[in-house]
Amino acid sequence: MKKKQIIIVIISIVFLSGLSILLKPPPIIIRGVSSFVCPQAKYFFNTNKPLIAITIDDIPDDNHIFPHTTLGILDVLANYQAKATFFVITNKAEKFPALIESIVEQGHELGNHLTKDESSIKLGDKFETQFVKADRFLSQFATVSWLRPGHGRCNANMNKIAQKYNYKIALGSVWSYDTSISSLKFSSWYIKHNIRPGSIIVLHDSGNKSDRRGKNTIAVLNKILPQLQAQGYSFVTLSELENNSLNLQI
C-alpha cells in the first residue's frame, strides 16, 4: 500500500472513530467532557430503574402574543403522562406568570436558567445578581433547586454560588443538537440510540428569533415518548430521578 493510501486510511479511521464517539458517546467520554465543561454538574444518574429525566431549556416561547410552542410541549407531555423539568429564562417568563403556575400545577419542575439567553460563564461578577433575580421570580411558584447555566458552561465559583442558595447544577447526557440541527429524524434517532436508565435529555423551546426549536421539540417528543415507553421507560423530573438514583453519578 502506498504512503498516500495509508494516510487516507488513517484519516478515515480517525474521522469515523470521532464521528462514532460524537453520535454515541460512552459514559467515560461524558465524564471526561464534564471535567472540562462543568465538573460539579450532574450529567446523568446511576439507577437500576428505567427512569429518564426530560429537561426543556429556554422556556417560555415569547415569539408570539401567546406562548404556543411551550403549551404544545405541555400538551404532548400530558398526553403521554410524562413529567419534565423546565429551565426558565425569567425575563421572558415575566410576561406569562399564569403559564409558569400551570407548569407547576401539572406536576412538572422548574429550573433556573437565569434571566437572559446568554453565556453564564461570561457574566463574571454579575452572575450571582442574575441568578438571584431569576430565583426570586421562580420562587413565587415553587421551590427551585436546579440550575442550568446559559450555554452549558460553568466554573467553581458558579457552583459555589449555587450551593450557597441550595441549588445543584444540572446539564445532561443526551443532547439532541437541536440548537444547530433542525431535524426530527436526527434528533429522534440520536436520543433513542443514546438513552439508558438515568439519562438526562436536553431539548429546547423557542429561541430568540423563531419558534423552530419549540416546534422541533414537540415533534420529537411525540415520536420518542411512545416508543421509549413501549420499551419500559418512564419520564420523570430531575429531582425524581435523583431520588431514585443510587447516589452515585455514573
Protein backbone atom coordinates (compact mmCIF):
# COMPACT_ATOMS: atom_id res chain seq x y z
CA MET A 1 0.00 0.00 0.00
CA LYS A 2 1.35 3.37 -0.98
CA LYS A 3 2.13 6.01 1.61
CA LYS A 4 -0.68 8.28 0.33
CA GLN A 5 -3.19 5.44 0.64
CA ILE A 6 -2.04 4.68 4.19
CA ILE A 7 -2.53 8.31 5.18
CA ILE A 8 -6.05 8.30 3.69
CA VAL A 9 -6.92 5.11 5.60
CA ILE A 10 -5.62 6.56 8.88
CA ILE A 11 -7.55 9.81 8.37
CA SER A 12 -10.71 7.84 7.56
CA ILE A 13 -10.35 5.71 10.70
CA VAL A 14 -9.81 8.76 12.89
CA PHE A 15 -12.78 10.56 11.33
CA LEU A 16 -15.12 7.58 11.68
CA SER A 17 -13.99 6.95 15.26
CA GLY A 18 -14.58 10.59 16.16
CA LEU A 19 -17.99 10.55 14.48
CA SER A 20 -18.92 7.36 16.34
CA ILE A 21 -17.99 8.91 19.70
CA LEU A 22 -19.90 12.10 18.85
CA LEU A 23 -23.06 10.20 17.88
CA LYS A 24 -22.94 7.68 20.72
CA PRO A 25 -20.60 8.91 23.49
CA PRO A 26 -19.86 6.26 26.14
CA PRO A 27 -20.04 7.20 29.85
CA ILE A 28 -16.25 7.54 30.13
CA ILE A 29 -16.29 10.20 27.39
CA ILE A 30 -19.10 12.09 29.12
CA ARG A 31 -17.12 12.03 32.37
CA GLY A 32 -14.08 13.36 30.53
CA VAL A 33 -16.05 16.17 28.92
CA SER A 34 -17.67 17.02 32.25
CA SER A 35 -14.28 17.55 33.89
CA PHE A 36 -13.69 20.36 31.40
CA VAL A 37 -17.16 21.81 30.82
CA CYS A 38 -18.63 21.78 34.31
CA PRO A 39 -17.11 19.27 36.75
CA GLN A 40 -19.63 19.92 39.53
CA ALA A 41 -22.70 19.34 37.39
CA LYS A 42 -24.99 16.32 37.27
CA TYR A 43 -24.91 14.84 33.79
CA PHE A 44 -26.83 11.63 34.48
CA PHE A 45 -27.58 9.38 37.43
CA ASN A 46 -26.77 5.82 38.32
CA THR A 47 -30.04 3.94 38.70
CA ASN A 48 -31.29 0.41 38.15
CA LYS A 49 -34.76 1.72 37.34
CA PRO A 50 -35.88 2.55 33.76
CA LEU A 51 -36.24 6.27 34.51
CA ILE A 52 -35.26 9.20 32.29
CA ALA A 53 -35.36 12.93 33.01
CA ILE A 54 -36.60 15.22 30.27
CA THR A 55 -35.34 18.80 30.53
CA ILE A 56 -36.54 21.69 28.36
CA ASP A 57 -34.38 24.79 28.10
CA ASP A 58 -35.21 28.39 27.17
CA ILE A 59 -38.87 28.42 28.12
CA PRO A 60 -41.23 30.08 27.55
CA ASP A 61 -41.79 30.78 23.88
CA ASP A 62 -42.16 34.57 23.67
CA ASN A 63 -42.13 34.94 19.90
CA HIS A 64 -45.89 35.36 19.86
CA ILE A 65 -48.61 37.00 21.93
CA PHE A 66 -49.37 33.54 23.29
CA PRO A 67 -46.57 31.03 24.09
CA HIS A 68 -47.91 28.36 21.77
CA THR A 69 -44.84 26.09 21.48
CA THR A 70 -44.48 25.90 25.27
CA LEU A 71 -48.15 24.97 25.50
CA GLY A 72 -47.64 22.42 22.74
CA ILE A 73 -44.81 20.80 24.71
CA LEU A 74 -47.04 20.64 27.80
CA ASP A 75 -49.83 19.04 25.76
CA VAL A 76 -47.53 16.28 24.48
CA LEU A 77 -46.21 15.56 27.97
CA ALA A 78 -49.75 15.40 29.34
CA ASN A 79 -50.83 13.08 26.53
CA TYR A 80 -48.14 10.56 27.49
CA GLN A 81 -48.29 11.23 31.25
CA ALA A 82 -44.63 12.27 31.23
CA LYS A 83 -43.02 14.77 33.58
CA ALA A 84 -40.20 17.18 32.83
CA THR A 85 -38.00 19.89 34.30
CA PHE A 86 -38.43 23.25 32.57
CA PHE A 87 -35.43 25.59 32.70
CA VAL A 88 -36.92 29.07 32.68
CA ILE A 89 -35.47 32.30 31.30
CA THR A 90 -37.20 34.68 33.67
CA ASN A 91 -37.13 37.87 31.61
CA LYS A 92 -39.35 36.02 29.14
CA ALA A 93 -41.43 34.27 31.80
CA GLU A 94 -42.42 37.53 33.49
CA LYS A 95 -44.89 38.06 30.61
CA PHE A 96 -46.64 34.75 31.30
CA PRO A 97 -46.93 34.10 35.06
CA ALA A 98 -50.09 32.00 34.56
CA LEU A 99 -48.13 29.67 32.27
CA ILE A 100 -45.40 29.14 34.87
CA GLU A 101 -48.04 28.45 37.50
CA SER A 102 -49.70 25.93 35.16
CA ILE A 103 -46.40 24.10 34.61
CA VAL A 104 -46.11 23.54 38.36
CA GLU A 105 -49.77 22.56 38.72
CA GLN A 106 -49.29 19.88 36.06
CA GLY A 107 -46.61 18.22 38.16
CA HIS A 108 -43.55 19.45 36.31
CA GLU A 109 -40.49 21.04 37.87
CA LEU A 110 -38.99 24.49 37.39
CA GLY A 111 -35.29 25.09 36.89
CA ASN A 112 -33.26 28.30 36.93
CA HIS A 113 -31.85 29.27 33.51
CA LEU A 114 -31.14 32.83 34.64
CA THR A 115 -32.68 35.99 33.19
CA LYS A 116 -31.46 36.06 29.57
CA ASP A 117 -30.38 33.66 26.86
CA GLU A 118 -26.66 34.31 27.24
CA SER A 119 -23.47 32.58 28.30
CA SER A 120 -23.49 32.44 32.10
CA ILE A 121 -19.77 31.88 32.35
CA LYS A 122 -19.16 35.26 30.68
CA LEU A 123 -21.20 37.13 33.31
CA GLY A 124 -18.33 37.14 35.79
CA ASP A 125 -19.26 39.12 38.91
CA LYS A 126 -22.75 39.71 37.51
CA PHE A 127 -23.60 36.01 37.65
CA GLU A 128 -24.84 35.97 41.25
CA THR A 129 -27.01 39.04 40.70
CA GLN A 130 -28.71 37.49 37.65
CA PHE A 131 -29.02 34.12 39.35
CA VAL A 132 -30.69 35.59 42.45
CA LYS A 133 -33.01 37.75 40.33
CA ALA A 134 -34.20 34.66 38.47
CA ASP A 135 -34.57 32.70 41.70
CA ARG A 136 -36.76 35.40 43.26
CA PHE A 137 -39.15 35.24 40.34
CA LEU A 138 -39.30 31.44 40.24
CA SER A 139 -39.70 31.05 44.00
CA GLN A 140 -43.13 32.67 43.71
CA PHE A 141 -44.33 29.46 42.07
CA ALA A 142 -42.29 26.65 43.62
CA THR A 143 -39.12 25.74 45.46
CA VAL A 144 -36.39 25.56 42.82
CA SER A 145 -33.21 23.59 43.34
CA TRP A 146 -31.71 23.07 39.86
CA LEU A 147 -29.57 25.48 37.86
CA ARG A 148 -28.59 25.10 34.24
CA PRO A 149 -26.06 27.77 33.23
CA GLY A 150 -26.69 29.51 29.95
CA HIS A 151 -24.80 27.83 27.09
CA GLY A 152 -23.86 24.92 29.37
CA ARG A 153 -20.56 26.12 30.85
CA CYS A 154 -19.73 26.78 34.48
CA ASN A 155 -16.83 27.16 36.87
CA ALA A 156 -16.06 26.54 40.53
CA ASN A 157 -17.28 29.97 41.61
CA MET A 158 -20.64 29.47 39.92
CA ASN A 159 -21.01 26.12 41.67
CA LYS A 160 -20.12 27.76 45.00
CA ILE A 161 -22.85 30.36 44.46
CA ALA A 162 -25.35 27.65 43.50
CA GLN A 163 -24.60 25.73 46.70
CA LYS A 164 -24.94 28.93 48.72
CA TYR A 165 -28.60 29.06 47.66
CA ASN A 166 -29.19 25.29 47.97
CA TYR A 167 -29.04 24.70 44.24
CA LYS A 168 -27.39 21.96 42.21
CA ILE A 169 -26.14 22.32 38.64
CA ALA A 170 -27.62 20.00 36.00
CA LEU A 171 -26.50 19.61 32.42
CA GLY A 172 -27.30 16.41 30.51
CA SER A 173 -26.06 13.22 28.90
CA VAL A 174 -28.30 13.12 25.80
CA TRP A 175 -28.12 16.27 23.69
CA SER A 176 -30.15 16.29 20.50
CA TYR A 177 -28.07 19.08 18.92
CA ASP A 178 -31.40 20.83 18.30
CA THR A 179 -29.85 24.29 18.61
CA SER A 180 -27.89 23.68 15.42
CA ILE A 181 -29.60 20.79 13.61
CA SER A 182 -33.30 21.22 12.91
CA SER A 183 -34.19 17.65 12.05
CA LEU A 184 -36.89 15.49 13.59
CA LYS A 185 -35.27 12.34 12.20
CA PHE A 186 -31.81 13.12 13.53
CA SER A 187 -32.96 14.30 16.97
CA SER A 188 -35.21 11.27 17.44
CA TRP A 189 -32.56 8.85 16.22
CA TYR A 190 -29.88 10.38 18.42
CA ILE A 191 -32.00 10.29 21.57
CA LYS A 192 -33.20 6.71 21.04
CA HIS A 193 -29.67 5.42 20.38
CA ASN A 194 -28.08 7.14 23.39
CA ILE A 195 -30.72 6.61 26.05
CA ARG A 196 -30.11 4.47 29.13
CA PRO A 197 -31.58 4.36 32.65
CA GLY A 198 -30.65 7.59 34.44
CA SER A 199 -30.19 9.67 31.29
CA ILE A 200 -30.91 13.39 31.25
CA ILE A 201 -32.29 14.54 27.89
CA VAL A 202 -31.76 18.17 26.85
CA LEU A 203 -34.27 19.75 24.46
CA HIS A 204 -35.15 23.38 23.77
CA ASP A 205 -38.17 25.59 23.43
CA SER A 206 -38.14 28.52 21.03
CA GLY A 207 -35.04 30.62 20.61
CA ASN A 208 -35.00 34.39 20.38
CA LYS A 209 -35.67 34.64 16.63
CA SER A 210 -38.06 31.84 15.69
CA ASP A 211 -40.18 29.01 17.04
CA ARG A 212 -38.20 26.36 15.14
CA ARG A 213 -36.72 24.76 18.24
CA GLY A 214 -40.01 24.59 20.08
CA LYS A 215 -41.79 23.01 17.11
CA ASN A 216 -38.96 20.50 16.73
CA THR A 217 -39.21 19.57 20.42
CA ILE A 218 -42.96 18.98 20.11
CA ALA A 219 -42.39 16.69 17.12
CA VAL A 220 -39.51 14.85 18.78
CA LEU A 221 -41.47 14.21 21.99
CA ASN A 222 -44.46 12.97 20.00
CA LYS A 223 -42.18 10.48 18.28
CA ILE A 224 -39.90 9.23 21.06
CA LEU A 225 -42.21 9.15 24.09
CA PRO A 226 -44.46 6.30 22.92
CA GLN A 227 -41.50 4.37 21.51
CA LEU A 228 -39.45 4.59 24.71
CA GLN A 229 -42.46 3.96 26.92
CA ALA A 230 -43.05 0.77 24.92
CA GLN A 231 -39.52 -0.25 25.96
CA GLY A 232 -40.46 0.23 29.62
CA TYR A 233 -39.05 3.70 30.27
CA SER A 234 -40.80 6.31 32.41
CA PHE A 235 -40.16 10.06 32.23
CA VAL A 236 -39.64 12.00 35.45
CA THR A 237 -38.30 15.30 36.73
CA LEU A 238 -34.65 15.76 37.68
CA SER A 239 -35.49 15.64 41.39
CA GLU A 240 -37.46 12.41 40.96
CA LEU A 241 -34.59 10.86 39.03
CA GLU A 242 -32.12 11.91 41.72
CA ASN A 243 -34.37 10.47 44.43
CA ASN A 244 -34.39 7.13 42.60
CA SER A 245 -30.66 7.06 41.95
CA LEU A 246 -28.02 5.07 43.79
CA ASN A 247 -26.45 8.37 44.92
CA LEU A 248 -23.59 7.85 42.53
CA GLN A 249 -23.15 9.78 39.32
CA ILE A 250 -22.14 7.35 36.58
